[in-house]
């Protein structure tokens, strides 16, 4: 009987997840994670192999898509905290994506000078592209069923602060009606 139970346990788990809708959410986040890994590897290869303009496929997100993905990830992780219940997250970002280019710092008797590293010559001279930086998160608002409970507030604030590297003073958690 133990063998039968062990064989049925994964089936029950999948059925339970299907009923609660968590299976679809789990598959979504796995797919997004794989996509980000593939994009990261491709962007890393492109930027290491060439100088100049950033690769056109270095980062294919718009700022709105990036914000929406962050909000979905935060909602998913917050919903797992005991006492949270239904949750909605709003993220504020600082600006947009920015490109990072190689620089060269030189020190002489008159001080320091900073210049961009270039490759090529004449009309074909271009900057050496290193990477692209996503916009910084400047604030997070969380509205959840258990948001009026001080323990839930503290847990959600600590979780988001630790996972996303944001000061707790930039995270606000409240309850909803």
C-alpha atoms as a PDB file:
ATOM      1  CA  UNK A   1       0.000   0.000   0.000  1.00  0.00           C
ATOM      2  CA  UNK A   2       2.884   2.366   0.618  1.00  0.00           C
ATOM      3  CA  UNK A   3       3.929   2.109  -3.026  1.00  0.00           C
ATOM      4  CA  UNK A   4       0.411   2.884  -4.209  1.00  0.00           C
ATOM      5  CA  UNK A   5       0.173   5.910  -1.911  1.00  0.00           C
ATOM      6  CA  UNK A   6       3.554   7.220  -3.080  1.00  0.00           C
ATOM      7  CA  UNK A   7       2.536   6.832  -6.706  1.00  0.00           C
ATOM      8  CA  UNK A   8      -0.763   8.615  -6.101  1.00  0.00           C
ATOM      9  CA  UNK A   9       0.750  11.469  -4.057  1.00  0.00           C
ATOM     10  CA  UNK A  10       2.112  13.421  -7.077  1.00  0.00           C
ATOM     11  CA  UNK A  11      -1.214  12.937  -8.863  1.00  0.00           C
ATOM     12  CA  UNK A  12      -3.101  14.326  -5.864  1.00  0.00           C
ATOM     13  CA  UNK A  13      -0.690  17.248  -5.642  1.00  0.00           C
ATOM     14  CA  UNK A  14      -1.178  18.119  -9.329  1.00  0.00           C
ATOM     15  CA  UNK A  15      -4.972  17.795  -9.008  1.00  0.00           C
ATOM     16  CA  UNK A  16      -4.922  20.016  -5.914  1.00  0.00           C
ATOM     17  CA  UNK A  17      -2.786  22.604  -7.686  1.00  0.00           C
ATOM     18  CA  UNK A  18      -5.075  22.530 -10.743  1.00  0.00           C
ATOM     19  CA  UNK A  19      -8.107  23.187  -8.555  1.00  0.00           C
ATOM     20  CA  UNK A  20      -6.501  26.135  -6.803  1.00  0.00           C
ATOM     21  CA  UNK A  21      -5.000  27.593  -9.987  1.00  0.00           C
ATOM     22  CA  UNK A  22      -1.491  27.454  -8.549  1.00  0.00           C
ATOM     23  CA  UNK A  23      -0.282  25.082 -11.248  1.00  0.00           C
ATOM     24  CA  UNK A  24      -0.777  27.692 -13.958  1.00  0.00           C
ATOM     25  CA  UNK A  25       1.031  30.305 -11.850  1.00  0.00           C
ATOM     26  CA  UNK A  26       3.895  27.892 -11.189  1.00  0.00           C
ATOM     27  CA  UNK A  27       4.267  27.095 -14.903  1.00  0.00           C
ATOM     28  CA  UNK A  28       4.166  30.821 -15.738  1.00  0.00           C
ATOM     29  CA  UNK A  29       7.031  31.640 -13.377  1.00  0.00           C
ATOM     30  CA  UNK A  30       9.093  28.678 -14.543  1.00  0.00           C
ATOM     31  CA  UNK A  31       8.620  29.818 -18.164  1.00  0.00           C
ATOM     32  CA  UNK A  32       9.574  33.422 -17.296  1.00  0.00           C
ATOM     33  CA  UNK A  33      12.652  32.195 -15.406  1.00  0.00           C
ATOM     34  CA  UNK A  34      13.828  30.073 -18.329  1.00  0.00           C
ATOM     35  CA  UNK A  35      13.231  32.985 -20.719  1.00  0.00           C
ATOM     36  CA  UNK A  36      15.263  35.353 -18.533  1.00  0.00           C
ATOM     37  CA  UNK A  37      18.116  32.840 -18.308  1.00  0.00           C
ATOM     38  CA  UNK A  38      18.179  32.421 -22.080  1.00  0.00           C
ATOM     39  CA  UNK A  39      18.036  36.184 -22.685  1.00  0.00           C
ATOM     40  CA  UNK A  40      20.769  36.758 -20.120  1.00  0.00           C
ATOM     41  CA  UNK A  41      23.076  34.210 -21.722  1.00  0.00           C
ATOM     42  CA  UNK A  42      22.501  35.578 -25.221  1.00  0.00           C
ATOM     43  CA  UNK A  43      22.998  39.202 -24.123  1.00  0.00           C
ATOM     44  CA  UNK A  44      26.175  38.248 -22.267  1.00  0.00           C
ATOM     45  CA  UNK A  45      27.620  36.534 -25.350  1.00  0.00           C
ATOM     46  CA  UNK A  46      26.724  39.448 -27.627  1.00  0.00           C
ATOM     47  CA  UNK A  47      28.184  42.129 -25.382  1.00  0.00           C
ATOM     48  CA  UNK A  48      31.393  40.178 -24.771  1.00  0.00           C
ATOM     49  CA  UNK A  49      31.993  39.529 -28.458  1.00  0.00           C
ATOM     50  CA  UNK A  50      31.542  43.006 -29.856  1.00  0.00           C
ATOM     51  CA  UNK A  51      32.136  46.620 -29.040  1.00  0.00           C
ATOM     52  CA  UNK A  52      29.980  49.520 -30.070  1.00  0.00           C
ATOM     53  CA  UNK A  53      26.250  49.847 -29.992  1.00  0.00           C
ATOM     54  CA  UNK A  54      24.294  47.589 -27.676  1.00  0.00           C
ATOM     55  CA  UNK A  55      22.939  44.456 -29.308  1.00  0.00           C
ATOM     56  CA  UNK A  56      19.393  45.008 -30.531  1.00  0.00           C
ATOM     57  CA  UNK A  57      18.231  41.976 -28.573  1.00  0.00           C
ATOM     58  CA  UNK A  58      20.147  42.850 -25.387  1.00  0.00           C
ATOM     59  CA  UNK A  59      16.971  43.572 -23.498  1.00  0.00           C
ATOM     60  CA  UNK A  60      13.600  43.192 -25.133  1.00  0.00           C
ATOM     61  CA  UNK A  61      11.398  44.446 -22.292  1.00  0.00           C
ATOM     62  CA  UNK A  62       9.675  47.771 -22.195  1.00  0.00           C
ATOM     63  CA  UNK A  63       9.610  49.536 -18.850  1.00  0.00           C
ATOM     64  CA  UNK A  64       5.907  48.680 -18.494  1.00  0.00           C
ATOM     65  CA  UNK A  65       6.528  44.982 -19.165  1.00  0.00           C
ATOM     66  CA  UNK A  66       9.359  44.977 -16.635  1.00  0.00           C
ATOM     67  CA  UNK A  67       7.158  46.697 -14.024  1.00  0.00           C
ATOM     68  CA  UNK A  68       4.289  44.260 -14.662  1.00  0.00           C
ATOM     69  CA  UNK A  69       6.635  41.288 -14.259  1.00  0.00           C
ATOM     70  CA  UNK A  70       8.006  42.675 -11.002  1.00  0.00           C
ATOM     71  CA  UNK A  71       4.478  43.228  -9.687  1.00  0.00           C
ATOM     72  CA  UNK A  72       3.460  39.671 -10.622  1.00  0.00           C
ATOM     73  CA  UNK A  73       6.543  38.225  -8.911  1.00  0.00           C
ATOM     74  CA  UNK A  74       5.908  40.287  -5.790  1.00  0.00           C
ATOM     75  CA  UNK A  75       2.230  39.313  -5.686  1.00  0.00           C
ATOM     76  CA  UNK A  76       3.162  35.638  -6.029  1.00  0.00           C
ATOM     77  CA  UNK A  77       5.718  35.740  -3.226  1.00  0.00           C
ATOM     78  CA  UNK A  78       3.550  37.860  -0.910  1.00  0.00           C
ATOM     79  CA  UNK A  79       0.535  35.595  -1.380  1.00  0.00           C
ATOM     80  CA  UNK A  80       2.556  32.774   0.174  1.00  0.00           C
ATOM     81  CA  UNK A  81       3.014  34.659   3.464  1.00  0.00           C
ATOM     82  CA  UNK A  82       0.708  33.475   6.238  1.00  0.00           C
ATOM     83  CA  UNK A  83      -2.170  35.897   6.778  1.00  0.00           C
ATOM     84  CA  UNK A  84      -1.776  37.930   3.588  1.00  0.00           C
ATOM     85  CA  UNK A  85      -4.796  36.621   1.673  1.00  0.00           C
ATOM     86  CA  UNK A  86      -5.662  38.426  -1.564  1.00  0.00           C
ATOM     87  CA  UNK A  87      -2.862  40.765  -2.600  1.00  0.00           C
ATOM     88  CA  UNK A  88      -2.206  43.477  -5.155  1.00  0.00           C
ATOM     89  CA  UNK A  89       1.182  45.147  -5.651  1.00  0.00           C
ATOM     90  CA  UNK A  90       2.137  48.418  -7.327  1.00  0.00           C
ATOM     91  CA  UNK A  91       5.790  49.142  -8.185  1.00  0.00           C
ATOM     92  CA  UNK A  92       7.275  52.565  -8.944  1.00  0.00           C
ATOM     93  CA  UNK A  93      10.441  52.625 -11.051  1.00  0.00           C
ATOM     94  CA  UNK A  94      13.068  55.322 -11.488  1.00  0.00           C
ATOM     95  CA  UNK A  95      13.370  56.152 -15.182  1.00  0.00           C
ATOM     96  CA  UNK A  96      14.017  53.516 -17.798  1.00  0.00           C
ATOM     97  CA  UNK A  97      16.688  51.104 -18.947  1.00  0.00           C
ATOM     98  CA  UNK A  98      20.190  52.500 -19.332  1.00  0.00           C
ATOM     99  CA  UNK A  99      23.253  51.305 -21.211  1.00  0.00           C
ATOM    100  CA  UNK A 100      26.622  50.909 -19.521  1.00  0.00           C
ATOM    101  CA  UNK A 101      29.749  51.517 -21.595  1.00  0.00           C
ATOM    102  CA  UNK A 102      33.393  50.843 -20.747  1.00  0.00           C
ATOM    103  CA  UNK A 103      35.306  53.823 -19.336  1.00  0.00           C
ATOM    104  CA  UNK A 104      38.960  54.578 -18.738  1.00  0.00           C
ATOM    105  CA  UNK A 105      40.072  56.621 -15.748  1.00  0.00           C
ATOM    106  CA  UNK A 106      43.421  58.388 -15.992  1.00  0.00           C
ATOM    107  CA  UNK A 107      45.153  60.274 -13.227  1.00  0.00           C
ATOM    108  CA  UNK A 108      47.734  62.954 -13.893  1.00  0.00           C
ATOM    109  CA  UNK A 109      49.134  65.994 -12.092  1.00  0.00           C
ATOM    110  CA  UNK A 110      46.065  68.104 -12.949  1.00  0.00           C
ATOM    111  CA  UNK A 111      43.613  65.524 -11.573  1.00  0.00           C
ATOM    112  CA  UNK A 112      41.548  62.675 -12.895  1.00  0.00           C
ATOM    113  CA  UNK A 113      39.932  62.344 -16.275  1.00  0.00           C
ATOM    114  CA  UNK A 114      37.316  59.840 -17.319  1.00  0.00           C
ATOM    115  CA  UNK A 115      36.795  58.885 -20.939  1.00  0.00           C
ATOM    116  CA  UNK A 116      34.810  56.249 -22.789  1.00  0.00           C
ATOM    117  CA  UNK A 117      36.680  53.327 -24.335  1.00  0.00           C
ATOM    118  CA  UNK A 118      36.196  53.104 -28.096  1.00  0.00           C
ATOM    119  CA  UNK A 119      36.993  50.565 -30.788  1.00  0.00           C
ATOM    120  CA  UNK A 120      37.655  51.159 -34.462  1.00  0.00           C
ATOM    121  CA  UNK A 121      38.836  54.395 -36.001  1.00  0.00           C
ATOM    122  CA  UNK A 122      37.489  57.340 -37.954  1.00  0.00           C
ATOM    123  CA  UNK A 123      33.857  56.942 -38.998  1.00  0.00           C
ATOM    124  CA  UNK A 124      33.796  53.381 -37.637  1.00  0.00           C
ATOM    125  CA  UNK A 125      34.764  54.330 -34.090  1.00  0.00           C
ATOM    126  CA  UNK A 126      32.197  53.231 -31.509  1.00  0.00           C
ATOM    127  CA  UNK A 127      31.826  52.862 -27.749  1.00  0.00           C
ATOM    128  CA  UNK A 128      32.419  49.513 -26.040  1.00  0.00           C
ATOM    129  CA  UNK A 129      29.048  48.314 -24.747  1.00  0.00           C
ATOM    130  CA  UNK A 130      29.136  46.403 -21.445  1.00  0.00           C
ATOM    131  CA  UNK A 131      25.587  45.839 -20.256  1.00  0.00           C
ATOM    132  CA  UNK A 132      22.126  47.259 -19.763  1.00  0.00           C
ATOM    133  CA  UNK A 133      20.771  48.238 -16.343  1.00  0.00           C
ATOM    134  CA  UNK A 134      17.125  47.911 -15.412  1.00  0.00           C
ATOM    135  CA  UNK A 135      15.461  50.884 -13.718  1.00  0.00           C
ATOM    136  CA  UNK A 136      15.734  50.981  -9.942  1.00  0.00           C
ATOM    137  CA  UNK A 137      12.706  50.229  -7.791  1.00  0.00           C
ATOM    138  CA  UNK A 138      11.893  53.387  -5.817  1.00  0.00           C
ATOM    139  CA  UNK A 139       8.697  52.314  -4.100  1.00  0.00           C
ATOM    140  CA  UNK A 140       6.352  49.389  -3.523  1.00  0.00           C
ATOM    141  CA  UNK A 141       2.727  49.547  -2.435  1.00  0.00           C
ATOM    142  CA  UNK A 142       1.032  46.381  -1.200  1.00  0.00           C
ATOM    143  CA  UNK A 143      -2.694  46.073  -0.552  1.00  0.00           C
ATOM    144  CA  UNK A 144      -3.768  42.764   0.945  1.00  0.00           C
ATOM    145  CA  UNK A 145      -6.561  41.217   2.980  1.00  0.00           C
ATOM    146  CA  UNK A 146      -4.364  40.830   6.075  1.00  0.00           C
ATOM    147  CA  UNK A 147      -2.600  44.152   5.631  1.00  0.00           C
ATOM    148  CA  UNK A 148      -4.073  45.718   8.775  1.00  0.00           C
ATOM    149  CA  UNK A 149      -2.360  43.095  10.962  1.00  0.00           C
ATOM    150  CA  UNK A 150       1.000  44.508  12.177  1.00  0.00           C
ATOM    151  CA  UNK A 151       2.646  41.066  11.992  1.00  0.00           C
ATOM    152  CA  UNK A 152       1.614  40.613   8.353  1.00  0.00           C
ATOM    153  CA  UNK A 153       2.828  44.140   7.536  1.00  0.00           C
ATOM    154  CA  UNK A 154       6.199  43.462   9.117  1.00  0.00           C
ATOM    155  CA  UNK A 155       6.584  40.086   7.366  1.00  0.00           C
ATOM    156  CA  UNK A 156       5.670  41.423   3.921  1.00  0.00           C
ATOM    157  CA  UNK A 157       7.890  44.488   4.333  1.00  0.00           C
ATOM    158  CA  UNK A 158      10.859  42.398   5.493  1.00  0.00           C
ATOM    159  CA  UNK A 159      10.354  39.873   2.696  1.00  0.00           C
ATOM    160  CA  UNK A 160      10.214  42.449  -0.106  1.00  0.00           C
ATOM    161  CA  UNK A 161      13.091  44.429   1.392  1.00  0.00           C
ATOM    162  CA  UNK A 162      15.317  41.349   1.547  1.00  0.00           C
ATOM    163  CA  UNK A 163      14.408  39.854  -1.827  1.00  0.00           C
ATOM    164  CA  UNK A 164      14.521  43.049  -3.878  1.00  0.00           C
ATOM    165  CA  UNK A 165      17.170  44.978  -1.903  1.00  0.00           C
ATOM    166  CA  UNK A 166      14.913  47.930  -1.112  1.00  0.00           C
ATOM    167  CA  UNK A 167      14.809  49.852   2.148  1.00  0.00           C
ATOM    168  CA  UNK A 168      11.757  49.122   4.281  1.00  0.00           C
ATOM    169  CA  UNK A 169      10.959  52.857   4.236  1.00  0.00           C
ATOM    170  CA  UNK A 170      10.096  52.489   0.534  1.00  0.00           C
ATOM    171  CA  UNK A 171       7.551  49.709   1.098  1.00  0.00           C
ATOM    172  CA  UNK A 172       4.004  50.390   2.279  1.00  0.00           C
ATOM    173  CA  UNK A 173       1.610  47.603   3.240  1.00  0.00           C
ATOM    174  CA  UNK A 174      -2.061  48.171   4.020  1.00  0.00           C
ATOM    175  CA  UNK A 175      -5.337  46.250   4.174  1.00  0.00           C
ATOM    176  CA  UNK A 176      -8.151  46.434   1.673  1.00  0.00           C
ATOM    177  CA  UNK A 177     -11.861  46.658   2.150  1.00  0.00           C
END
